[in-house]
Protein backbone atom coordinates (compact mmCIF):
# COMPACT_ATOMS: atom_id res chain seq x y z
CA MET A 1 116.41 92.38 115.68
CA SER A 2 114.38 95.35 114.35
CA LEU A 3 111.27 94.38 112.10
CA LEU A 4 111.63 97.13 109.86
CA GLN A 5 114.64 99.03 108.70
CA VAL A 6 114.99 101.98 106.37
CA GLN A 7 118.49 102.88 105.49
CA ASN A 8 119.53 106.10 103.61
CA LEU A 9 116.14 106.15 101.78
CA SER A 10 116.42 108.92 99.04
CA THR A 11 112.85 109.19 96.87
CA ALA A 12 111.43 111.58 94.48
CA TYR A 13 108.83 112.58 91.98
CA GLY A 14 110.53 112.75 88.90
CA PRO A 15 113.42 115.34 89.29
CA ILE A 16 112.08 116.57 92.62
CA MET A 17 113.73 114.83 95.45
CA VAL A 18 111.38 114.37 98.38
CA ASN A 19 113.09 112.39 100.87
CA ARG A 20 116.80 112.58 101.41
CA GLU A 21 118.99 109.91 102.95
CA VAL A 22 116.42 108.64 105.52
CA SER A 23 117.12 106.14 107.93
CA LEU A 24 114.89 104.76 110.76
CA ILE A 25 114.03 101.44 112.50
CA VAL A 26 110.87 99.76 114.02
CA ASN A 27 111.00 97.08 116.46
CA ASP A 28 108.38 94.15 116.63
CA GLN A 29 104.92 95.43 117.73
CA GLU A 30 106.20 98.89 118.77
CA ILE A 31 104.58 102.00 117.84
CA VAL A 32 106.77 104.90 115.97
CA THR A 33 105.66 108.25 115.01
CA ILE A 34 107.17 110.48 112.41
CA LEU A 35 106.48 114.08 113.06
CA GLY A 36 107.35 117.32 110.85
CA PRO A 37 105.95 120.21 109.19
CA ASN A 38 103.27 120.12 106.28
CA GLY A 39 105.20 119.28 103.09
CA ALA A 40 108.24 117.61 104.93
CA GLY A 41 107.86 114.15 103.28
CA LYS A 42 106.29 112.31 105.60
CA SER A 43 103.70 110.62 103.35
CA THR A 44 105.96 110.22 100.92
CA LEU A 45 108.26 108.26 103.22
CA LEU A 46 105.36 105.79 104.00
CA ARG A 47 104.40 105.39 100.38
CA SER A 48 107.74 104.40 99.57
CA ILE A 49 107.97 101.94 102.47
CA SER A 50 104.63 100.23 101.33
CA GLY A 51 106.26 99.86 97.85
CA LEU A 52 103.86 102.32 96.17
CA LEU A 53 106.76 104.38 95.28
CA ARG A 54 110.29 103.24 94.08
CA PRO A 55 112.91 104.82 96.09
CA LYS A 56 116.04 106.19 94.28
CA LYS A 57 118.53 104.79 96.31
CA GLY A 58 118.95 103.22 99.93
CA ALA A 59 117.55 100.42 101.09
CA ILE A 60 114.49 98.99 102.86
CA ARG A 61 114.89 95.73 104.98
CA PHE A 62 111.75 94.03 106.29
CA ASN A 63 112.31 91.11 108.89
CA ASP A 64 115.61 90.62 107.80
CA ARG A 65 114.94 90.58 104.02
CA ASN A 66 115.97 93.31 101.44
CA VAL A 67 112.83 94.62 100.34
CA THR A 68 113.89 97.49 98.29
CA GLY A 69 111.99 98.35 95.26
CA ALA A 70 109.26 95.35 95.92
CA PRO A 71 105.76 96.50 94.81
CA ALA A 72 103.00 97.06 97.23
CA ASP A 73 101.28 93.99 96.77
CA ARG A 74 104.21 92.12 97.15
CA MET A 75 104.75 93.98 100.57
CA ALA A 76 101.54 93.76 101.70
CA SER A 77 101.78 90.16 101.22
CA MET A 78 104.64 90.08 103.64
CA GLY A 79 102.93 92.02 106.11
CA VAL A 80 103.86 95.85 105.57
CA VAL A 81 100.06 97.31 104.99
CA MET A 82 99.15 100.99 104.76
CA VAL A 83 96.30 103.00 105.39
CA PRO A 84 96.53 105.95 103.67
CA GLU A 85 95.63 109.44 104.07
CA GLY A 86 92.00 109.99 103.05
CA ARG A 87 90.85 106.42 103.78
CA HIS A 88 90.22 105.84 100.60
CA ILE A 89 87.44 103.28 101.10
CA PHE A 90 85.37 101.68 98.19
CA PRO A 91 82.35 103.76 98.78
CA ASP A 92 79.78 101.62 96.65
CA LEU A 93 81.00 98.47 98.51
CA THR A 94 79.20 97.39 101.98
CA VAL A 95 81.38 97.59 105.08
CA GLN A 96 81.77 93.67 104.66
CA GLN A 97 82.97 93.71 101.25
CA ASN A 98 85.37 96.33 101.99
CA LEU A 99 86.68 94.16 104.73
CA ARG A 100 86.97 91.24 102.43
CA LEU A 101 89.00 93.25 100.02
CA GLY A 102 91.69 93.94 102.85
CA ALA A 103 92.57 90.15 102.68
CA TYR A 104 92.97 89.89 98.88
CA CYS A 105 96.54 88.51 99.31
CA ARG A 106 95.12 86.06 101.90
CA THR A 107 93.98 82.41 100.66
CA ASP A 108 92.77 80.84 104.25
CA HIS A 109 89.19 81.69 103.27
CA ASN A 110 87.74 80.13 106.88
CA ALA A 111 90.13 82.33 108.58
CA ILE A 112 89.06 85.44 106.56
CA GLU A 113 85.38 84.84 107.81
CA GLN A 114 86.92 84.71 111.09
CA ASP A 115 88.99 87.75 111.03
CA ILE A 116 85.63 89.70 109.79
CA ALA A 117 83.74 88.71 113.00
CA LEU A 118 86.81 89.56 115.05
CA MET A 119 86.73 93.47 113.39
CA GLU A 120 83.12 93.64 114.03
CA SER A 121 83.68 92.52 117.60
CA TYR A 122 86.48 95.31 118.14
CA PHE A 123 84.93 97.81 116.04
CA ASN A 124 81.21 97.92 117.25
CA VAL A 125 80.30 100.47 114.64
CA LEU A 126 81.32 98.06 111.81
CA ALA A 127 78.88 95.43 113.09
CA ALA A 128 75.78 97.69 113.35
CA LYS A 129 76.65 98.81 109.61
CA LYS A 130 77.98 95.75 107.98
CA HIS A 131 75.87 95.93 105.04
CA ALA A 132 75.90 99.64 104.52
CA LYS A 133 77.73 100.85 101.70
CA GLY A 134 81.29 103.00 102.56
CA SER A 135 79.47 106.38 101.23
CA ALA A 136 77.01 105.74 104.12
CA LEU A 137 79.45 105.94 106.79
CA SER A 138 80.39 109.18 108.74
CA GLY A 139 84.22 110.22 108.33
CA GLY A 140 84.82 108.53 111.84
CA GLN A 141 83.17 105.44 110.56
CA GLN A 142 85.24 105.26 107.49
CA GLN A 143 88.62 105.82 109.30
CA MET A 144 87.39 102.93 111.52
CA LEU A 145 86.62 100.68 108.24
CA ALA A 146 90.16 101.94 106.90
CA ILE A 147 91.83 100.38 109.72
CA ALA A 148 90.12 97.30 110.04
CA ARG A 149 90.62 96.91 106.41
CA GLY A 150 94.00 97.28 107.07
CA LEU A 151 93.99 94.54 109.82
CA MET A 152 92.43 92.27 107.80
CA ALA A 153 95.71 91.76 105.72
CA ARG A 154 97.20 90.25 109.18
CA PRO A 155 100.05 93.13 109.02
CA ARG A 156 103.22 92.80 110.97
CA ILE A 157 103.62 96.54 110.62
CA LEU A 158 100.62 99.04 110.02
CA LEU A 159 101.86 102.35 108.25
CA LEU A 160 99.32 104.81 109.23
CA ASP A 161 99.06 108.33 107.34
CA GLU A 162 97.30 111.16 109.25
CA PRO A 163 94.40 108.94 110.65
CA SER A 164 93.06 111.93 112.76
CA LEU A 165 92.53 114.09 109.60
CA GLY A 166 89.23 116.20 109.28
CA LEU A 167 87.84 114.25 112.25
CA SER A 168 86.14 115.74 115.41
CA PRO A 169 87.83 115.89 118.85
CA ILE A 170 85.45 113.09 120.20
CA LEU A 171 86.42 110.81 117.14
CA VAL A 172 90.11 111.73 117.50
CA LYS A 173 89.91 110.32 120.89
CA GLU A 174 88.58 107.15 119.52
CA VAL A 175 91.09 106.78 116.96
CA GLN A 176 93.66 107.22 119.43
CA SER A 177 92.40 104.51 121.42
CA VAL A 178 92.26 102.20 118.58
CA ILE A 179 95.83 102.93 117.82
CA ALA A 180 96.92 102.12 121.12
CA ASP A 181 95.35 98.69 121.17
CA LEU A 182 97.18 97.83 117.51
CA ARG A 183 99.99 96.21 119.58
CA SER A 184 98.14 94.34 122.08
CA LYS A 185 94.99 93.14 120.45
CA PHE A 186 96.60 92.39 117.11
CA SER A 187 100.16 92.04 117.45
CA ALA A 188 101.00 94.74 114.99
CA ALA A 189 103.68 97.31 115.11
CA VAL A 190 102.83 101.07 113.99
CA LEU A 191 104.57 103.55 111.85
CA LEU A 192 102.59 106.78 112.32
CA VAL A 193 102.73 109.75 110.67
CA GLU A 194 100.30 112.11 112.29
CA GLN A 195 99.94 116.15 112.05
CA ASN A 196 97.87 115.91 115.30
CA ALA A 197 101.30 115.91 117.58
CA GLY A 198 99.09 115.44 120.99
CA LEU A 199 97.72 112.02 119.40
CA ALA A 200 101.15 110.81 118.16
CA LEU A 201 103.17 111.50 121.23
CA SER A 202 100.32 110.22 123.38
CA VAL A 203 100.58 106.53 121.60
CA ALA A 204 104.24 106.07 120.36
CA GLU A 205 106.98 105.06 122.33
CA ARG A 206 109.49 106.75 120.04
CA GLY A 207 109.69 108.92 117.28
CA TYR A 208 111.41 110.83 114.23
CA PHE A 209 111.22 114.35 112.97
CA LEU A 210 111.47 114.97 109.41
CA GLN A 211 112.08 118.27 107.77
CA HIS A 212 113.05 119.46 104.46
CA GLY A 213 112.82 115.45 103.59
CA ARG A 214 115.51 114.61 105.99
CA ILE A 215 115.71 113.23 109.65
CA VAL A 216 116.33 115.88 111.99
CA GLY A 217 115.99 114.46 115.17
CA SER A 218 115.06 111.22 117.03
CA GLY A 219 114.65 110.00 120.45
CA THR A 220 112.01 108.86 122.81
CA ILE A 221 108.68 110.41 123.14
CA SER A 222 109.84 112.22 126.66
CA GLU A 223 112.84 113.18 124.41
CA LEU A 224 110.70 114.57 121.46
CA LYS A 225 108.38 116.62 123.43
CA ASP A 226 111.35 118.60 124.42
CA HIS A 227 112.43 119.12 120.81
CA ALA A 228 112.48 122.88 119.71
CA LEU A 229 111.13 122.11 116.40
CA ILE A 230 107.86 120.43 118.26
CA HIS A 231 107.44 123.80 120.09
CA GLU A 232 108.19 125.78 117.05
CA ILE A 233 105.95 124.34 114.67
CA TYR A 234 103.10 122.65 116.86
CA LEU A 235 103.07 125.03 119.74
CA GLY A 236 104.18 128.31 118.17
CA GLN A 237 106.69 128.83 120.44
CA HIS A 238 110.27 130.08 119.22
CA SER A 239 112.41 129.43 122.22
CA ARG A 240 115.09 126.78 122.29
CA PRO A 241 114.45 124.34 124.72
CA LYS A 242 116.93 121.08 125.21
CA SER A 243 117.33 119.23 121.78
CA VAL A 244 117.06 115.50 121.33
CA ARG A 245 120.31 113.94 119.87
CA PRO A 246 120.92 113.62 116.05
CA SER A 247 119.24 111.18 114.16
CA ALA A 248 120.22 107.98 115.83
CA THR A 249 119.10 104.52 113.91
């Protein structure tokens, strides 16, 4: 049984349709990526799944429950947590205060403190900076804090939107390592939107290719590496290697 199912989902901003009949699945503790050019509708799709944007039509099922149209706070309480593009930490709050806000849906206060200690033990920089304000952190440190804050909700699935955006190559490697650990260390599935195709293809098991708001290809990572659009958009090549199968969800 899949953990997350998106079925023929269409979303729009006012009259402008962005996602068109998108279907995908994510299994429990699986890392899946969504690739595509800028403006393809990748972030909009994550916003729809997380409850920040109500879809026009289609269905979202999570843990075999129909959650279509559920608001973001309810989705988070069920285990669907989004780490948005741009990190959006609270700059005037300390690292520890940011982490506690990540657990706002929880009532198990003792376990919350234990999870803060867990985050500080895994993200060493957060332990060293736990009393520092978010605004005092570097871009990479803020990204680690954003991911740790998302994990404080104890997600079943973490939706990551462009986690490497604006980071140096060294920090991208650190983010890559964290994403690869999310399944084994935190028992979380991941749905990753990432413009850095090298990062995405290195950590995910399967992926979908989104173009003009539609899924135009899907497959294992080895299959996606041979997709003509990957070569054209990310590598600047216009040759036509073998294509992956059409969207199969």
